Amino acid sequence: MRTPSSTPLATLALLALAIPMLQSCISGRRPIVLDSTPRGALVIVDGEDSGHSTPCTIQLSDSARTFEFRLPGYATEERYVRVGGRRRVVYWRDAITDYRTWAFPLWLSAEDFFFPIKEDGGEMPNRIHVRLKRSREPVAFAN
């Protein structure tokens, strides 16, 4: 038999379980700013038209991508980029600056002491700029 006092407790327990699950549903998409000189180049991502021209910001998931920048009268430029955050490991022995320094790192913060793995907050890369070169072929304009 349910009592009125157990219903709010069950709801609270359900919310406590649901919040971490909802955070895992958040998209891992990262913004990347794309720009070119001259501006106005069409941006092709993995062989498909993105619908954007430079300068623009595109949301991408963590993976490898191929970007093409096309502008009439200019040679097409292509960039291959692996999108994602950086991780680096700093060992205690690497944090020692001199042979006279005591090898036990008391100067580290608690987080650095227990978790030597660093993850930089920024994306790699977060901006791509391309300088387009003039094409040697004549440009045909539509009438």
N, C-alpha and C. Protein backbone atom coordinates (compact mmCIF):
# COMPACT_ATOMS: atom_id res chain seq x y z
N MET A 1 0.84 -1.18 0.00
CA MET A 1 0.00 0.00 0.00
C MET A 1 0.89 1.24 0.00
N ARG A 2 0.56 2.17 -0.86
CA ARG A 2 1.33 3.41 -0.93
C ARG A 2 0.85 4.40 0.11
N THR A 3 1.82 5.08 0.64
CA THR A 3 1.48 6.17 1.55
C THR A 3 1.79 7.47 0.84
N PRO A 4 1.11 8.54 1.18
CA PRO A 4 1.36 9.82 0.51
C PRO A 4 2.80 10.32 0.66
N SER A 5 3.48 9.94 1.73
CA SER A 5 4.85 10.43 1.93
C SER A 5 5.87 9.70 1.06
N SER A 6 5.56 8.48 0.56
CA SER A 6 6.52 7.74 -0.27
C SER A 6 6.55 8.25 -1.71
N THR A 7 5.50 8.87 -2.17
CA THR A 7 5.44 9.36 -3.55
C THR A 7 6.47 10.45 -3.82
N PRO A 8 6.61 11.50 -2.99
CA PRO A 8 7.65 12.50 -3.25
C PRO A 8 9.06 11.92 -3.15
N LEU A 9 9.26 10.96 -2.26
CA LEU A 9 10.57 10.35 -2.12
C LEU A 9 10.92 9.54 -3.37
N ALA A 10 9.95 8.82 -3.91
CA ALA A 10 10.18 8.05 -5.14
C ALA A 10 10.45 8.99 -6.32
N THR A 11 9.74 10.10 -6.37
CA THR A 11 9.96 11.08 -7.44
C THR A 11 11.35 11.67 -7.34
N LEU A 12 11.79 11.98 -6.14
CA LEU A 12 13.12 12.53 -5.93
C LEU A 12 14.20 11.52 -6.33
N ALA A 13 13.99 10.26 -5.98
CA ALA A 13 14.95 9.22 -6.35
C ALA A 13 15.01 9.05 -7.86
N LEU A 14 13.85 9.11 -8.51
CA LEU A 14 13.81 8.99 -9.97
C LEU A 14 14.53 10.16 -10.64
N LEU A 15 14.35 11.36 -10.12
CA LEU A 15 15.05 12.53 -10.67
C LEU A 15 16.56 12.41 -10.46
N ALA A 16 16.97 11.89 -9.31
CA ALA A 16 18.40 11.73 -9.05
C ALA A 16 19.04 10.76 -10.03
N LEU A 17 18.29 9.77 -10.48
CA LEU A 17 18.81 8.84 -11.48
C LEU A 17 18.71 9.39 -12.90
N ALA A 18 17.71 10.22 -13.16
CA ALA A 18 17.47 10.71 -14.52
C ALA A 18 18.44 11.81 -14.93
N ILE A 19 18.88 12.64 -14.00
CA ILE A 19 19.74 13.77 -14.35
C ILE A 19 21.06 13.32 -14.97
N PRO A 20 21.79 12.34 -14.40
CA PRO A 20 23.02 11.89 -15.09
C PRO A 20 22.75 11.29 -16.46
N MET A 21 21.60 10.62 -16.60
CA MET A 21 21.26 10.05 -17.91
C MET A 21 21.00 11.14 -18.94
N LEU A 22 20.35 12.22 -18.51
CA LEU A 22 20.09 13.31 -19.44
C LEU A 22 21.38 14.00 -19.86
N GLN A 23 22.34 14.10 -18.96
CA GLN A 23 23.62 14.72 -19.31
C GLN A 23 24.36 13.90 -20.35
N SER A 24 24.18 12.59 -20.34
CA SER A 24 24.84 11.77 -21.35
C SER A 24 24.19 11.93 -22.71
N CYS A 25 22.97 12.45 -22.75
CA CYS A 25 22.29 12.66 -24.03
C CYS A 25 22.71 13.96 -24.69
N ILE A 26 23.41 14.81 -23.97
CA ILE A 26 23.84 16.08 -24.54
C ILE A 26 24.79 15.80 -25.69
N SER A 27 24.57 16.49 -26.77
CA SER A 27 25.36 16.25 -27.97
C SER A 27 26.82 16.60 -27.74
N GLY A 28 27.71 15.78 -28.29
CA GLY A 28 29.14 16.03 -28.21
C GLY A 28 29.61 16.86 -29.38
N ARG A 29 28.76 17.71 -29.91
CA ARG A 29 29.11 18.50 -31.07
C ARG A 29 29.88 19.74 -30.63
N ARG A 30 30.90 20.08 -31.41
CA ARG A 30 31.77 21.20 -31.09
C ARG A 30 31.72 22.23 -32.22
N PRO A 31 31.74 23.51 -31.87
CA PRO A 31 31.74 24.54 -32.91
C PRO A 31 33.14 24.77 -33.48
N ILE A 32 33.21 24.91 -34.80
CA ILE A 32 34.46 25.24 -35.48
C ILE A 32 34.18 26.43 -36.38
N VAL A 33 35.02 27.45 -36.27
CA VAL A 33 34.89 28.64 -37.11
C VAL A 33 35.71 28.42 -38.37
N LEU A 34 35.08 28.59 -39.52
CA LEU A 34 35.75 28.44 -40.81
C LEU A 34 35.78 29.79 -41.49
N ASP A 35 36.95 30.15 -42.02
CA ASP A 35 37.10 31.44 -42.68
C ASP A 35 38.06 31.29 -43.85
N SER A 36 37.98 32.21 -44.78
CA SER A 36 38.88 32.18 -45.94
C SER A 36 39.18 33.60 -46.38
N THR A 37 40.30 33.72 -47.09
CA THR A 37 40.65 34.97 -47.75
C THR A 37 40.76 34.67 -49.23
N PRO A 38 39.94 35.22 -50.07
CA PRO A 38 38.81 36.11 -49.82
C PRO A 38 37.62 35.35 -49.23
N ARG A 39 36.74 36.12 -48.62
CA ARG A 39 35.56 35.53 -47.99
C ARG A 39 34.53 35.13 -49.03
N GLY A 40 33.59 34.30 -48.60
CA GLY A 40 32.50 33.90 -49.49
C GLY A 40 32.69 32.54 -50.14
N ALA A 41 33.71 31.79 -49.71
CA ALA A 41 33.95 30.47 -50.28
C ALA A 41 32.89 29.49 -49.78
N LEU A 42 32.44 28.62 -50.66
CA LEU A 42 31.48 27.58 -50.31
C LEU A 42 32.20 26.52 -49.49
N VAL A 43 31.59 26.07 -48.39
CA VAL A 43 32.21 25.08 -47.51
C VAL A 43 31.59 23.72 -47.78
N ILE A 44 32.43 22.76 -48.17
CA ILE A 44 32.01 21.38 -48.41
C ILE A 44 32.61 20.53 -47.29
N VAL A 45 31.77 19.79 -46.57
CA VAL A 45 32.23 18.94 -45.46
C VAL A 45 32.03 17.48 -45.85
N ASP A 46 33.11 16.73 -45.90
CA ASP A 46 33.08 15.30 -46.27
C ASP A 46 32.37 15.06 -47.59
N GLY A 47 32.60 15.95 -48.56
CA GLY A 47 32.04 15.79 -49.89
C GLY A 47 30.60 16.25 -50.04
N GLU A 48 29.99 16.77 -48.98
CA GLU A 48 28.60 17.24 -49.04
C GLU A 48 28.56 18.74 -48.77
N ASP A 49 27.69 19.43 -49.51
CA ASP A 49 27.54 20.87 -49.34
C ASP A 49 26.98 21.15 -47.95
N SER A 50 27.65 21.99 -47.19
CA SER A 50 27.19 22.31 -45.84
C SER A 50 26.11 23.38 -45.85
N GLY A 51 25.97 24.09 -46.98
CA GLY A 51 25.00 25.18 -47.04
C GLY A 51 25.55 26.47 -46.46
N HIS A 52 26.82 26.50 -46.12
CA HIS A 52 27.45 27.68 -45.53
C HIS A 52 28.53 28.21 -46.46
N SER A 53 28.79 29.51 -46.33
CA SER A 53 29.95 30.11 -46.98
C SER A 53 30.74 30.85 -45.91
N THR A 54 32.02 31.04 -46.19
CA THR A 54 32.89 31.64 -45.18
C THR A 54 32.63 33.13 -45.05
N PRO A 55 32.74 33.67 -43.85
CA PRO A 55 33.01 33.04 -42.57
C PRO A 55 31.75 32.39 -42.00
N CYS A 56 31.92 31.27 -41.29
CA CYS A 56 30.79 30.57 -40.70
C CYS A 56 31.26 29.74 -39.52
N THR A 57 30.29 29.32 -38.72
CA THR A 57 30.55 28.42 -37.60
C THR A 57 29.73 27.17 -37.83
N ILE A 58 30.39 26.00 -37.76
CA ILE A 58 29.71 24.73 -38.00
C ILE A 58 29.88 23.86 -36.76
N GLN A 59 28.80 23.19 -36.36
CA GLN A 59 28.85 22.26 -35.23
C GLN A 59 29.21 20.88 -35.76
N LEU A 60 30.27 20.28 -35.23
CA LEU A 60 30.72 18.96 -35.69
C LEU A 60 30.92 18.03 -34.51
N SER A 61 30.69 16.75 -34.76
CA SER A 61 30.97 15.75 -33.73
C SER A 61 32.46 15.40 -33.77
N ASP A 62 32.92 14.72 -32.73
CA ASP A 62 34.33 14.34 -32.64
C ASP A 62 34.64 13.25 -33.65
N SER A 63 35.30 13.61 -34.70
CA SER A 63 35.74 12.63 -35.70
C SER A 63 36.64 13.34 -36.70
N ALA A 64 37.11 12.59 -37.67
CA ALA A 64 37.95 13.18 -38.71
C ALA A 64 37.05 13.73 -39.81
N ARG A 65 37.38 14.90 -40.31
CA ARG A 65 36.57 15.56 -41.34
C ARG A 65 37.47 16.09 -42.44
N THR A 66 36.91 16.16 -43.65
CA THR A 66 37.58 16.78 -44.78
C THR A 66 36.78 18.02 -45.15
N PHE A 67 37.45 19.16 -45.18
CA PHE A 67 36.82 20.43 -45.55
C PHE A 67 37.35 20.87 -46.91
N GLU A 68 36.45 21.28 -47.80
CA GLU A 68 36.84 21.88 -49.07
C GLU A 68 36.29 23.30 -49.09
N PHE A 69 37.08 24.21 -49.62
CA PHE A 69 36.68 25.60 -49.76
C PHE A 69 36.70 25.93 -51.25
N ARG A 70 35.53 26.26 -51.81
CA ARG A 70 35.41 26.52 -53.24
C ARG A 70 34.89 27.93 -53.48
N LEU A 71 35.57 28.62 -54.39
CA LEU A 71 35.16 29.97 -54.78
C LEU A 71 35.49 30.14 -56.25
N PRO A 72 34.53 30.60 -57.07
CA PRO A 72 34.80 30.77 -58.50
C PRO A 72 36.00 31.70 -58.73
N GLY A 73 36.90 31.26 -59.61
CA GLY A 73 38.09 32.03 -59.93
C GLY A 73 39.28 31.69 -59.04
N TYR A 74 39.07 30.80 -58.07
CA TYR A 74 40.13 30.42 -57.15
C TYR A 74 40.27 28.90 -57.12
N ALA A 75 41.48 28.44 -56.86
CA ALA A 75 41.71 26.99 -56.75
C ALA A 75 41.06 26.47 -55.47
N THR A 76 40.47 25.28 -55.56
CA THR A 76 39.83 24.65 -54.41
C THR A 76 40.90 24.23 -53.40
N GLU A 77 40.69 24.58 -52.16
CA GLU A 77 41.60 24.19 -51.07
C GLU A 77 40.92 23.12 -50.23
N GLU A 78 41.70 22.15 -49.80
CA GLU A 78 41.16 21.05 -49.00
C GLU A 78 41.98 20.90 -47.72
N ARG A 79 41.27 20.68 -46.62
CA ARG A 79 41.92 20.47 -45.32
C ARG A 79 41.33 19.23 -44.67
N TYR A 80 42.21 18.38 -44.14
CA TYR A 80 41.80 17.20 -43.38
C TYR A 80 42.05 17.49 -41.91
N VAL A 81 41.02 17.38 -41.10
CA VAL A 81 41.13 17.77 -39.70
C VAL A 81 40.52 16.69 -38.82
N ARG A 82 41.21 16.38 -37.75
CA ARG A 82 40.65 15.48 -36.74
C ARG A 82 40.13 16.36 -35.62
N VAL A 83 38.82 16.32 -35.41
CA VAL A 83 38.16 17.19 -34.45
C VAL A 83 38.12 16.50 -33.09
N GLY A 84 38.41 17.24 -32.04
CA GLY A 84 38.32 16.67 -30.69
C GLY A 84 39.19 17.41 -29.70
N GLY A 85 39.04 17.07 -28.42
CA GLY A 85 39.85 17.68 -27.37
C GLY A 85 41.21 17.02 -27.28
N ARG A 86 42.10 17.66 -26.57
CA ARG A 86 43.45 17.12 -26.38
C ARG A 86 43.57 16.51 -25.00
N ARG A 87 44.32 15.43 -24.91
CA ARG A 87 44.65 14.85 -23.61
C ARG A 87 46.16 14.74 -23.51
N ARG A 88 46.67 15.00 -22.35
CA ARG A 88 48.10 14.83 -22.14
C ARG A 88 48.31 14.33 -20.72
N VAL A 89 49.32 13.57 -20.53
CA VAL A 89 49.65 13.02 -19.22
C VAL A 89 50.93 13.68 -18.74
N VAL A 90 50.90 14.20 -17.51
CA VAL A 90 52.08 14.81 -16.91
C VAL A 90 52.50 13.91 -15.74
N TYR A 91 53.62 13.25 -15.88
CA TYR A 91 54.12 12.38 -14.81
C TYR A 91 54.86 13.22 -13.77
N TRP A 92 54.91 12.72 -12.57
CA TRP A 92 55.59 13.44 -11.50
C TRP A 92 57.05 13.68 -11.86
N ARG A 93 57.69 12.69 -12.45
CA ARG A 93 59.11 12.84 -12.78
C ARG A 93 59.33 13.95 -13.80
N ASP A 94 58.30 14.23 -14.63
CA ASP A 94 58.41 15.31 -15.60
C ASP A 94 58.18 16.68 -14.98
N ALA A 95 57.58 16.70 -13.79
CA ALA A 95 57.31 17.96 -13.12
C ALA A 95 58.50 18.45 -12.31
N ILE A 96 59.54 17.63 -12.22
CA ILE A 96 60.74 17.99 -11.47
C ILE A 96 61.61 18.89 -12.34
N THR A 97 62.03 20.01 -11.78
CA THR A 97 62.77 20.98 -12.58
C THR A 97 64.28 20.86 -12.46
N ASP A 98 64.75 20.27 -11.37
CA ASP A 98 66.19 20.23 -11.10
C ASP A 98 66.51 18.94 -10.35
N TYR A 99 67.72 18.46 -10.50
CA TYR A 99 68.09 17.21 -9.82
C TYR A 99 68.13 17.39 -8.31
N ARG A 100 68.24 18.63 -7.84
CA ARG A 100 68.26 18.89 -6.40
C ARG A 100 66.85 18.97 -5.82
N THR A 101 65.84 19.01 -6.68
CA THR A 101 64.45 19.09 -6.22
C THR A 101 64.02 17.73 -5.71
N TRP A 102 63.33 17.74 -4.59
CA TRP A 102 62.83 16.50 -4.02
C TRP A 102 61.82 15.91 -4.98
N ALA A 103 61.88 14.61 -5.24
CA ALA A 103 61.08 13.97 -6.28
C ALA A 103 59.62 13.75 -5.91
N PHE A 104 59.24 14.03 -4.68
CA PHE A 104 57.84 13.85 -4.31
C PHE A 104 57.13 15.19 -4.49
N PRO A 105 56.14 15.28 -5.36
CA PRO A 105 55.56 16.58 -5.76
C PRO A 105 54.55 17.14 -4.77
N LEU A 106 55.02 17.73 -3.69
CA LEU A 106 54.11 18.32 -2.71
C LEU A 106 53.51 19.64 -3.20
N TRP A 107 54.11 20.25 -4.22
CA TRP A 107 53.64 21.55 -4.69
C TRP A 107 52.44 21.43 -5.64
N LEU A 108 52.08 20.19 -5.99
CA LEU A 108 50.95 20.01 -6.90
C LEU A 108 49.63 20.21 -6.16
N SER A 109 48.61 20.64 -6.90
CA SER A 109 47.28 20.72 -6.31
C SER A 109 46.76 19.31 -6.09
N ALA A 110 45.69 19.18 -5.31
CA ALA A 110 45.15 17.85 -5.00
C ALA A 110 44.71 17.14 -6.28
N GLU A 111 44.09 17.86 -7.18
CA GLU A 111 43.63 17.25 -8.44
C GLU A 111 44.81 16.75 -9.26
N ASP A 112 45.85 17.55 -9.37
CA ASP A 112 47.02 17.15 -10.15
C ASP A 112 47.78 16.00 -9.48
N PHE A 113 47.73 15.96 -8.14
CA PHE A 113 48.43 14.90 -7.42
C PHE A 113 47.79 13.54 -7.67
N PHE A 114 46.45 13.49 -7.62
CA PHE A 114 45.75 12.21 -7.76
C PHE A 114 45.39 11.88 -9.20
N PHE A 115 45.25 12.89 -10.04
CA PHE A 115 44.86 12.67 -11.44
C PHE A 115 45.85 13.37 -12.36
N PRO A 116 46.93 12.70 -12.76
CA PRO A 116 47.94 13.36 -13.58
C PRO A 116 47.52 13.56 -15.04
N ILE A 117 46.35 13.05 -15.42
CA ILE A 117 45.91 13.18 -16.81
C ILE A 117 45.24 14.54 -16.98
N LYS A 118 45.70 15.29 -17.94
CA LYS A 118 45.14 16.61 -18.22
C LYS A 118 44.31 16.54 -19.49
N GLU A 119 43.16 17.17 -19.48
CA GLU A 119 42.38 17.30 -20.70
C GLU A 119 42.13 18.78 -20.91
N ASP A 120 42.66 19.30 -21.98
CA ASP A 120 42.49 20.71 -22.27
C ASP A 120 41.04 20.97 -22.64
N GLY A 121 40.53 22.11 -22.19
CA GLY A 121 39.14 22.42 -22.44
C GLY A 121 38.85 22.80 -23.88
N GLY A 122 39.82 23.32 -24.58
CA GLY A 122 39.58 23.78 -25.93
C GLY A 122 39.58 22.66 -26.95
N GLU A 123 38.96 22.91 -28.06
CA GLU A 123 38.94 21.94 -29.14
C GLU A 123 40.19 22.09 -29.97
N MET A 124 40.50 21.04 -30.69
CA MET A 124 41.64 21.08 -31.60
C MET A 124 41.18 20.79 -32.99
N PRO A 125 41.19 21.62 -33.91
CA PRO A 125 41.33 23.06 -33.77
C PRO A 125 39.95 23.66 -33.54
N ASN A 126 39.88 24.92 -33.18
CA ASN A 126 38.59 25.58 -33.06
C ASN A 126 38.40 26.63 -34.15
N ARG A 127 39.42 26.84 -35.00
CA ARG A 127 39.31 27.79 -36.10
C ARG A 127 40.19 27.33 -37.25
N ILE A 128 39.63 27.39 -38.45
CA ILE A 128 40.39 27.05 -39.66
C ILE A 128 40.30 28.23 -40.60
N HIS A 129 41.46 28.74 -41.01
CA HIS A 129 41.51 29.83 -41.98
C HIS A 129 42.30 29.36 -43.19
N VAL A 130 41.75 29.62 -44.38
CA VAL A 130 42.38 29.18 -45.62
C VAL A 130 42.59 30.40 -46.52
N ARG A 131 43.78 30.52 -47.08
CA ARG A 131 44.06 31.57 -48.05
C ARG A 131 43.95 30.95 -49.44
N LEU A 132 42.92 31.35 -50.18
CA LEU A 132 42.68 30.79 -51.51
C LEU A 132 43.57 31.46 -52.54
N LYS A 133 44.08 30.66 -53.47
CA LYS A 133 44.95 31.17 -54.54
C LYS A 133 44.15 31.29 -55.82
N ARG A 134 44.49 32.29 -56.61
CA ARG A 134 43.79 32.49 -57.88
C ARG A 134 43.99 31.29 -58.79
N SER A 135 42.93 30.95 -59.49
CA SER A 135 42.99 29.83 -60.43
C SER A 135 43.63 30.28 -61.73
N ARG A 136 44.34 29.38 -62.38
CA ARG A 136 44.96 29.71 -63.67
C ARG A 136 43.98 29.52 -64.82
N GLU A 137 42.86 28.85 -64.53
CA GLU A 137 41.87 28.62 -65.58
C GLU A 137 40.94 29.82 -65.67
N PRO A 138 40.48 30.14 -66.89
CA PRO A 138 39.54 31.26 -67.03
C PRO A 138 38.20 30.93 -66.38
N VAL A 139 37.58 31.95 -65.84
CA VAL A 139 36.30 31.77 -65.15
C VAL A 139 35.17 31.98 -66.15
N ALA A 140 34.24 31.03 -66.20
CA ALA A 140 33.07 31.14 -67.06
C ALA A 140 31.92 31.65 -66.22
N PHE A 141 31.36 32.80 -66.62
CA PHE A 141 30.24 33.37 -65.89
C PHE A 141 28.94 32.97 -66.57
N ALA A 142 27.93 32.65 -65.75
CA ALA A 142 26.62 32.29 -66.30
C ALA A 142 25.88 33.56 -66.71
N ASN A 143 25.20 33.50 -67.85
CA ASN A 143 24.44 34.67 -68.32
C ASN A 143 23.00 34.57 -67.93
